[in-house]
Amino acid sequence: MILPHRILDNVKSHLMYTLALLIIIIVGLPMFQTLFFVLWDGNVILSSIVVFLAIGFFYALPEKIHLDRDGEQMRQFRRDTPDGTYDMKKDAMTFLKSPEFFSDCIAILCLVVAAIAILAAMIMFRIITPPALIFILEKPALLLLIIPASIILALTYGLFHLIFTVQVHRDWDETRLHLENEKKMEFTYKK
């Protein structure tokens, strides 16, 4: 059910995305804080929902781009799905039950564990000592919030991953139909 090599590959790539995300957050933090305050007047719940959705979107978007450019998977999809038989709901359910999808969501949870381990090691070796993390270390019960946060992140990532995959499959099917219609029109025009 789980594909360990896929999880490892995804964790590696997600760590790179995390570095990019940290740079984006550090550079744009004042803008994000202002935006959240103006839009939701400091509402923590709405801000948290938006943050989790944005991060899930951020991690799933490269998967969509990679899938969209994968010609081998497109050819396999078109072989498995004859013309006019594509069913979006059936495709979504098949993808939800696939070991690839399950492994991708597990990879996000592994990423959270890896990030926490790296952060803990940096704090223990006094490489960093940010005041917010020291506050958390004084109240270790706050670390329990990491569990629901990582599960919510995996769910939002999984949601966007599913949406993007089904969208790419639908686009492949529509492109095939469009190309076939063009061929028929050219054939009719030549007659």
C-alpha atoms as a PDB file:
ATOM      1  CA  MET A   1       0.000   0.000   0.000  1.00  0.00           C
ATOM      2  CA  ILE A   2       2.828   2.429   0.835  1.00  0.00           C
ATOM      3  CA  LEU A   3       5.589   3.128  -1.701  1.00  0.00           C
ATOM      4  CA  PRO A   4       8.725   3.904   0.368  1.00  0.00           C
ATOM      5  CA  HIS A   5      10.816   5.117  -2.586  1.00  0.00           C
ATOM      6  CA  ARG A   6       8.054   7.567  -3.579  1.00  0.00           C
ATOM      7  CA  ILE A   7       7.797   8.846   0.006  1.00  0.00           C
ATOM      8  CA  LEU A   8      11.563   9.385   0.150  1.00  0.00           C
ATOM      9  CA  ASP A   9      11.594  11.209  -3.203  1.00  0.00           C
ATOM     10  CA  ASN A  10       8.669  13.390  -2.139  1.00  0.00           C
ATOM     11  CA  VAL A  11      10.226  14.238   1.233  1.00  0.00           C
ATOM     12  CA  LYS A  12      13.412  15.342  -0.554  1.00  0.00           C
ATOM     13  CA  SER A  13      11.515  17.532  -2.989  1.00  0.00           C
ATOM     14  CA  HIS A  14       9.203  18.870  -0.256  1.00  0.00           C
ATOM     15  CA  LEU A  15      12.248  19.893   1.806  1.00  0.00           C
ATOM     16  CA  MET A  16      13.357  22.040  -1.143  1.00  0.00           C
ATOM     17  CA  TYR A  17       9.846  23.508  -1.390  1.00  0.00           C
ATOM     18  CA  THR A  18       9.986  24.189   2.351  1.00  0.00           C
ATOM     19  CA  LEU A  19      13.191  26.180   1.949  1.00  0.00           C
ATOM     20  CA  ALA A  20      11.543  28.189  -0.838  1.00  0.00           C
ATOM     21  CA  LEU A  21       8.448  28.671   1.331  1.00  0.00           C
ATOM     22  CA  LEU A  22      10.565  29.898   4.253  1.00  0.00           C
ATOM     23  CA  ILE A  23      12.262  32.444   2.002  1.00  0.00           C
ATOM     24  CA  ILE A  24       8.864  33.615   0.709  1.00  0.00           C
ATOM     25  CA  ILE A  25       7.525  33.902   4.273  1.00  0.00           C
ATOM     26  CA  ILE A  26      10.594  35.740   5.599  1.00  0.00           C
ATOM     27  CA  VAL A  27      10.607  38.209   2.685  1.00  0.00           C
ATOM     28  CA  GLY A  28       6.841  38.739   2.610  1.00  0.00           C
ATOM     29  CA  LEU A  29       5.982  38.437   6.320  1.00  0.00           C
ATOM     30  CA  PRO A  30       5.066  42.114   6.848  1.00  0.00           C
ATOM     31  CA  MET A  31       2.852  42.019   3.751  1.00  0.00           C
ATOM     32  CA  PHE A  32       1.152  38.760   4.852  1.00  0.00           C
ATOM     33  CA  GLN A  33       0.551  40.089   8.368  1.00  0.00           C
ATOM     34  CA  THR A  34      -0.969  43.296   6.995  1.00  0.00           C
ATOM     35  CA  LEU A  35      -3.101  41.381   4.503  1.00  0.00           C
ATOM     36  CA  PHE A  36      -4.451  38.994   7.146  1.00  0.00           C
ATOM     37  CA  PHE A  37      -5.168  41.842   9.531  1.00  0.00           C
ATOM     38  CA  VAL A  38      -6.961  43.921   6.876  1.00  0.00           C
ATOM     39  CA  LEU A  39      -8.990  41.021   5.448  1.00  0.00           C
ATOM     40  CA  TRP A  40      -9.940  39.214   8.645  1.00  0.00           C
ATOM     41  CA  ASP A  41      -9.258  41.792  11.359  1.00  0.00           C
ATOM     42  CA  GLY A  42      -6.867  39.481  13.181  1.00  0.00           C
ATOM     43  CA  ASN A  43      -9.278  36.491  13.214  1.00  0.00           C
ATOM     44  CA  VAL A  44      -6.961  33.580  14.059  1.00  0.00           C
ATOM     45  CA  ILE A  45      -9.308  30.853  12.804  1.00  0.00           C
ATOM     46  CA  LEU A  46      -9.834  32.358   9.332  1.00  0.00           C
ATOM     47  CA  SER A  47      -6.144  33.202   9.065  1.00  0.00           C
ATOM     48  CA  SER A  48      -5.223  29.617  10.026  1.00  0.00           C
ATOM     49  CA  ILE A  49      -7.619  28.168   7.447  1.00  0.00           C
ATOM     50  CA  VAL A  50      -6.166  30.394   4.721  1.00  0.00           C
ATOM     51  CA  VAL A  51      -2.593  29.536   5.764  1.00  0.00           C
ATOM     52  CA  PHE A  52      -3.241  25.773   5.691  1.00  0.00           C
ATOM     53  CA  LEU A  53      -4.988  26.017   2.310  1.00  0.00           C
ATOM     54  CA  ALA A  54      -2.185  28.169   0.895  1.00  0.00           C
ATOM     55  CA  ILE A  55       0.520  25.793   2.134  1.00  0.00           C
ATOM     56  CA  GLY A  56      -1.356  22.721   0.839  1.00  0.00           C
ATOM     57  CA  PHE A  57      -1.716  24.478  -2.523  1.00  0.00           C
ATOM     58  CA  PHE A  58       1.977  25.436  -2.486  1.00  0.00           C
ATOM     59  CA  TYR A  59       3.135  21.829  -1.942  1.00  0.00           C
ATOM     60  CA  ALA A  60       0.668  20.305  -4.443  1.00  0.00           C
ATOM     61  CA  LEU A  61       1.270  22.788  -7.290  1.00  0.00           C
ATOM     62  CA  PRO A  62       4.711  21.385  -8.297  1.00  0.00           C
ATOM     63  CA  GLU A  63       3.128  17.905  -8.429  1.00  0.00           C
ATOM     64  CA  LYS A  64       0.570  19.256 -10.921  1.00  0.00           C
ATOM     65  CA  ILE A  65       3.273  20.891 -13.031  1.00  0.00           C
ATOM     66  CA  HIS A  66       5.335  17.690 -13.015  1.00  0.00           C
ATOM     67  CA  LEU A  67       2.318  15.540 -13.939  1.00  0.00           C
ATOM     68  CA  ASP A  68       1.235  17.975 -16.659  1.00  0.00           C
ATOM     69  CA  ARG A  69       4.641  17.645 -18.342  1.00  0.00           C
ATOM     70  CA  ASP A  70       4.907  13.861 -17.959  1.00  0.00           C
ATOM     71  CA  GLY A  71       4.367  12.543 -21.474  1.00  0.00           C
ATOM     72  CA  GLU A  72       4.702   8.884 -20.452  1.00  0.00           C
ATOM     73  CA  GLN A  73       1.858   9.141 -17.928  1.00  0.00           C
ATOM     74  CA  MET A  74      -0.250  10.990 -20.495  1.00  0.00           C
ATOM     75  CA  ARG A  75       0.245   8.187 -23.035  1.00  0.00           C
ATOM     76  CA  GLN A  76      -0.568   5.570 -20.376  1.00  0.00           C
ATOM     77  CA  PHE A  77      -3.695   7.502 -19.365  1.00  0.00           C
ATOM     78  CA  ARG A  78      -4.861   7.709 -22.980  1.00  0.00           C
ATOM     79  CA  ARG A  79      -4.233   3.975 -23.502  1.00  0.00           C
ATOM     80  CA  ASP A  80      -6.199   3.122 -20.330  1.00  0.00           C
ATOM     81  CA  THR A  81      -9.037   5.542 -21.135  1.00  0.00           C
ATOM     82  CA  PRO A  82     -10.489   5.070 -24.603  1.00  0.00           C
ATOM     83  CA  ASP A  83     -11.999   8.035 -26.377  1.00  0.00           C
ATOM     84  CA  GLY A  84     -15.173   9.373 -24.751  1.00  0.00           C
ATOM     85  CA  THR A  85     -15.082   7.058 -21.717  1.00  0.00           C
ATOM     86  CA  TYR A  86     -13.376   9.367 -19.210  1.00  0.00           C
ATOM     87  CA  ASP A  87     -15.377   9.675 -15.985  1.00  0.00           C
ATOM     88  CA  MET A  88     -14.081  12.373 -13.636  1.00  0.00           C
ATOM     89  CA  LYS A  89     -15.748  10.950 -10.495  1.00  0.00           C
ATOM     90  CA  LYS A  90     -14.471   7.446 -11.173  1.00  0.00           C
ATOM     91  CA  ASP A  91     -10.986   8.856 -11.839  1.00  0.00           C
ATOM     92  CA  ALA A  92     -11.056  10.762  -8.525  1.00  0.00           C
ATOM     93  CA  MET A  93     -12.136   7.656  -6.585  1.00  0.00           C
ATOM     94  CA  THR A  94      -9.483   5.518  -8.294  1.00  0.00           C
ATOM     95  CA  PHE A  95      -6.821   8.094  -7.484  1.00  0.00           C
ATOM     96  CA  LEU A  96      -7.971   8.361  -3.839  1.00  0.00           C
ATOM     97  CA  LYS A  97      -7.506   4.596  -3.449  1.00  0.00           C
ATOM     98  CA  SER A  98      -4.134   4.498  -5.199  1.00  0.00           C
ATOM     99  CA  PRO A  99      -0.917   3.765  -3.276  1.00  0.00           C
ATOM    100  CA  GLU A 100       0.675   6.818  -4.937  1.00  0.00           C
ATOM    101  CA  PHE A 101      -1.838   9.203  -3.376  1.00  0.00           C
ATOM    102  CA  PHE A 102      -1.535   7.562   0.041  1.00  0.00           C
ATOM    103  CA  SER A 103       2.259   7.668  -0.165  1.00  0.00           C
ATOM    104  CA  ASP A 104       2.215  11.351  -1.172  1.00  0.00           C
ATOM    105  CA  CYS A 105       0.108  12.268   1.869  1.00  0.00           C
ATOM    106  CA  ILE A 106       2.378  10.186   4.142  1.00  0.00           C
ATOM    107  CA  ALA A 107       5.341  12.104   2.661  1.00  0.00           C
ATOM    108  CA  ILE A 108       3.884  15.384   3.946  1.00  0.00           C
ATOM    109  CA  LEU A 109       3.588  13.895   7.446  1.00  0.00           C
ATOM    110  CA  CYS A 110       7.199  12.668   7.172  1.00  0.00           C
ATOM    111  CA  LEU A 111       8.215  16.164   6.107  1.00  0.00           C
ATOM    112  CA  VAL A 112       6.652  17.625   9.251  1.00  0.00           C
ATOM    113  CA  VAL A 113       8.490  15.068  11.408  1.00  0.00           C
ATOM    114  CA  ALA A 114      11.776  15.818   9.577  1.00  0.00           C
ATOM    115  CA  ALA A 115      11.291  19.569   9.988  1.00  0.00           C
ATOM    116  CA  ILE A 116      10.557  19.165  13.711  1.00  0.00           C
ATOM    117  CA  ALA A 117      13.634  16.955  14.173  1.00  0.00           C
ATOM    118  CA  ILE A 118      15.861  19.469  12.362  1.00  0.00           C
ATOM    119  CA  LEU A 119      14.408  22.340  14.384  1.00  0.00           C
ATOM    120  CA  ALA A 120      14.822  20.450  17.664  1.00  0.00           C
ATOM    121  CA  ALA A 121      18.448  19.622  16.822  1.00  0.00           C
ATOM    122  CA  MET A 122      19.178  23.264  15.968  1.00  0.00           C
ATOM    123  CA  ILE A 123      17.691  24.421  19.266  1.00  0.00           C
ATOM    124  CA  MET A 124      19.519  21.740  21.277  1.00  0.00           C
ATOM    125  CA  PHE A 125      22.865  22.681  19.737  1.00  0.00           C
ATOM    126  CA  ARG A 126      22.086  26.380  20.314  1.00  0.00           C
ATOM    127  CA  ILE A 127      22.295  27.145  16.601  1.00  0.00           C
ATOM    128  CA  ILE A 128      19.042  29.070  16.896  1.00  0.00           C
ATOM    129  CA  THR A 129      17.173  30.328  19.934  1.00  0.00           C
ATOM    130  CA  PRO A 130      14.112  32.201  18.693  1.00  0.00           C
ATOM    131  CA  PRO A 131      11.910  33.598  21.482  1.00  0.00           C
ATOM    132  CA  ALA A 132       8.743  31.957  20.100  1.00  0.00           C
ATOM    133  CA  LEU A 133      10.324  28.500  20.235  1.00  0.00           C
ATOM    134  CA  ILE A 134      11.674  29.100  23.729  1.00  0.00           C
ATOM    135  CA  PHE A 135       8.094  29.977  24.746  1.00  0.00           C
ATOM    136  CA  ILE A 136       6.978  26.623  23.292  1.00  0.00           C
ATOM    137  CA  LEU A 137       9.769  24.783  25.127  1.00  0.00           C
ATOM    138  CA  GLU A 138       8.572  26.345  28.406  1.00  0.00           C
ATOM    139  CA  LYS A 139       5.097  24.944  27.733  1.00  0.00           C
ATOM    140  CA  PRO A 140       5.698  21.537  26.076  1.00  0.00           C
ATOM    141  CA  ALA A 141       1.959  20.822  25.854  1.00  0.00           C
ATOM    142  CA  LEU A 142       1.878  23.273  22.935  1.00  0.00           C
ATOM    143  CA  LEU A 143       3.928  20.742  20.946  1.00  0.00           C
ATOM    144  CA  LEU A 144       0.797  18.577  20.826  1.00  0.00           C
ATOM    145  CA  LEU A 145      -0.645  21.147  18.407  1.00  0.00           C
ATOM    146  CA  ILE A 146       1.849  19.843  15.840  1.00  0.00           C
ATOM    147  CA  ILE A 147      -0.158  16.615  15.475  1.00  0.00           C
ATOM    148  CA  PRO A 148      -3.454  18.185  14.318  1.00  0.00           C
ATOM    149  CA  ALA A 149      -1.555  20.816  12.313  1.00  0.00           C
ATOM    150  CA  SER A 150       0.376  18.157  10.375  1.00  0.00           C
ATOM    151  CA  ILE A 151      -2.813  16.143   9.765  1.00  0.00           C
ATOM    152  CA  ILE A 152      -4.633  19.262   8.513  1.00  0.00           C
ATOM    153  CA  LEU A 153      -1.674  20.071   6.258  1.00  0.00           C
ATOM    154  CA  ALA A 154      -1.717  16.515   4.855  1.00  0.00           C
ATOM    155  CA  LEU A 155      -5.475  16.815   4.223  1.00  0.00           C
ATOM    156  CA  THR A 156      -5.212  20.174   2.428  1.00  0.00           C
ATOM    157  CA  TYR A 157      -2.252  18.901   0.399  1.00  0.00           C
ATOM    158  CA  GLY A 158      -4.203  15.736  -0.466  1.00  0.00           C
ATOM    159  CA  LEU A 159      -7.241  17.796  -1.484  1.00  0.00           C
ATOM    160  CA  PHE A 160      -5.241  19.988  -3.863  1.00  0.00           C
ATOM    161  CA  HIS A 161      -3.241  16.998  -5.124  1.00  0.00           C
ATOM    162  CA  LEU A 162      -6.498  15.199  -5.976  1.00  0.00           C
ATOM    163  CA  ILE A 163      -8.031  18.282  -7.623  1.00  0.00           C
ATOM    164  CA  PHE A 164      -4.909  18.964  -9.674  1.00  0.00           C
ATOM    165  CA  THR A 165      -4.523  15.341 -10.796  1.00  0.00           C
ATOM    166  CA  VAL A 166      -8.142  15.051 -11.903  1.00  0.00           C
ATOM    167  CA  GLN A 167      -7.853  18.429 -13.655  1.00  0.00           C
ATOM    168  CA  VAL A 168      -4.743  17.306 -15.577  1.00  0.00           C
ATOM    169  CA  HIS A 169      -6.448  14.025 -16.554  1.00  0.00           C
ATOM    170  CA  ARG A 170      -9.528  15.952 -17.723  1.00  0.00           C
ATOM    171  CA  ASP A 171      -7.303  18.328 -19.723  1.00  0.00           C
ATOM    172  CA  TRP A 172      -5.560  15.354 -21.360  1.00  0.00           C
ATOM    173  CA  ASP A 173      -8.918  13.885 -22.330  1.00  0.00           C
ATOM    174  CA  GLU A 174     -10.220  17.220 -23.670  1.00  0.00           C
ATOM    175  CA  THR A 175      -7.022  17.773 -25.657  1.00  0.00           C
ATOM    176  CA  ARG A 176      -7.357  14.329 -27.227  1.00  0.00           C
ATOM    177  CA  LEU A 177     -10.982  15.028 -28.175  1.00  0.00           C
ATOM    178  CA  HIS A 178     -10.023  18.428 -29.564  1.00  0.00           C
ATOM    179  CA  LEU A 179      -7.213  16.952 -31.684  1.00  0.00           C
ATOM    180  CA  GLU A 180      -9.499  14.214 -33.001  1.00  0.00           C
ATOM    181  CA  ASN A 181     -12.144  16.794 -33.932  1.00  0.00           C
ATOM    182  CA  GLU A 182      -9.494  18.811 -35.790  1.00  0.00           C
ATOM    183  CA  LYS A 183      -8.387  15.697 -37.693  1.00  0.00           C
ATOM    184  CA  LYS A 184     -12.013  14.982 -38.694  1.00  0.00           C
ATOM    185  CA  MET A 185     -12.472  18.583 -39.822  1.00  0.00           C
ATOM    186  CA  GLU A 186      -9.272  18.456 -41.893  1.00  0.00           C
ATOM    187  CA  PHE A 187     -10.360  15.169 -43.465  1.00  0.00           C
ATOM    188  CA  THR A 188     -13.803  16.607 -44.287  1.00  0.00           C
ATOM    189  CA  TYR A 189     -12.198  19.782 -45.692  1.00  0.00           C
ATOM    190  CA  LYS A 190      -9.880  17.771 -47.959  1.00  0.00           C
ATOM    191  CA  LYS A 191     -12.842  15.876 -49.419  1.00  0.00           C
END
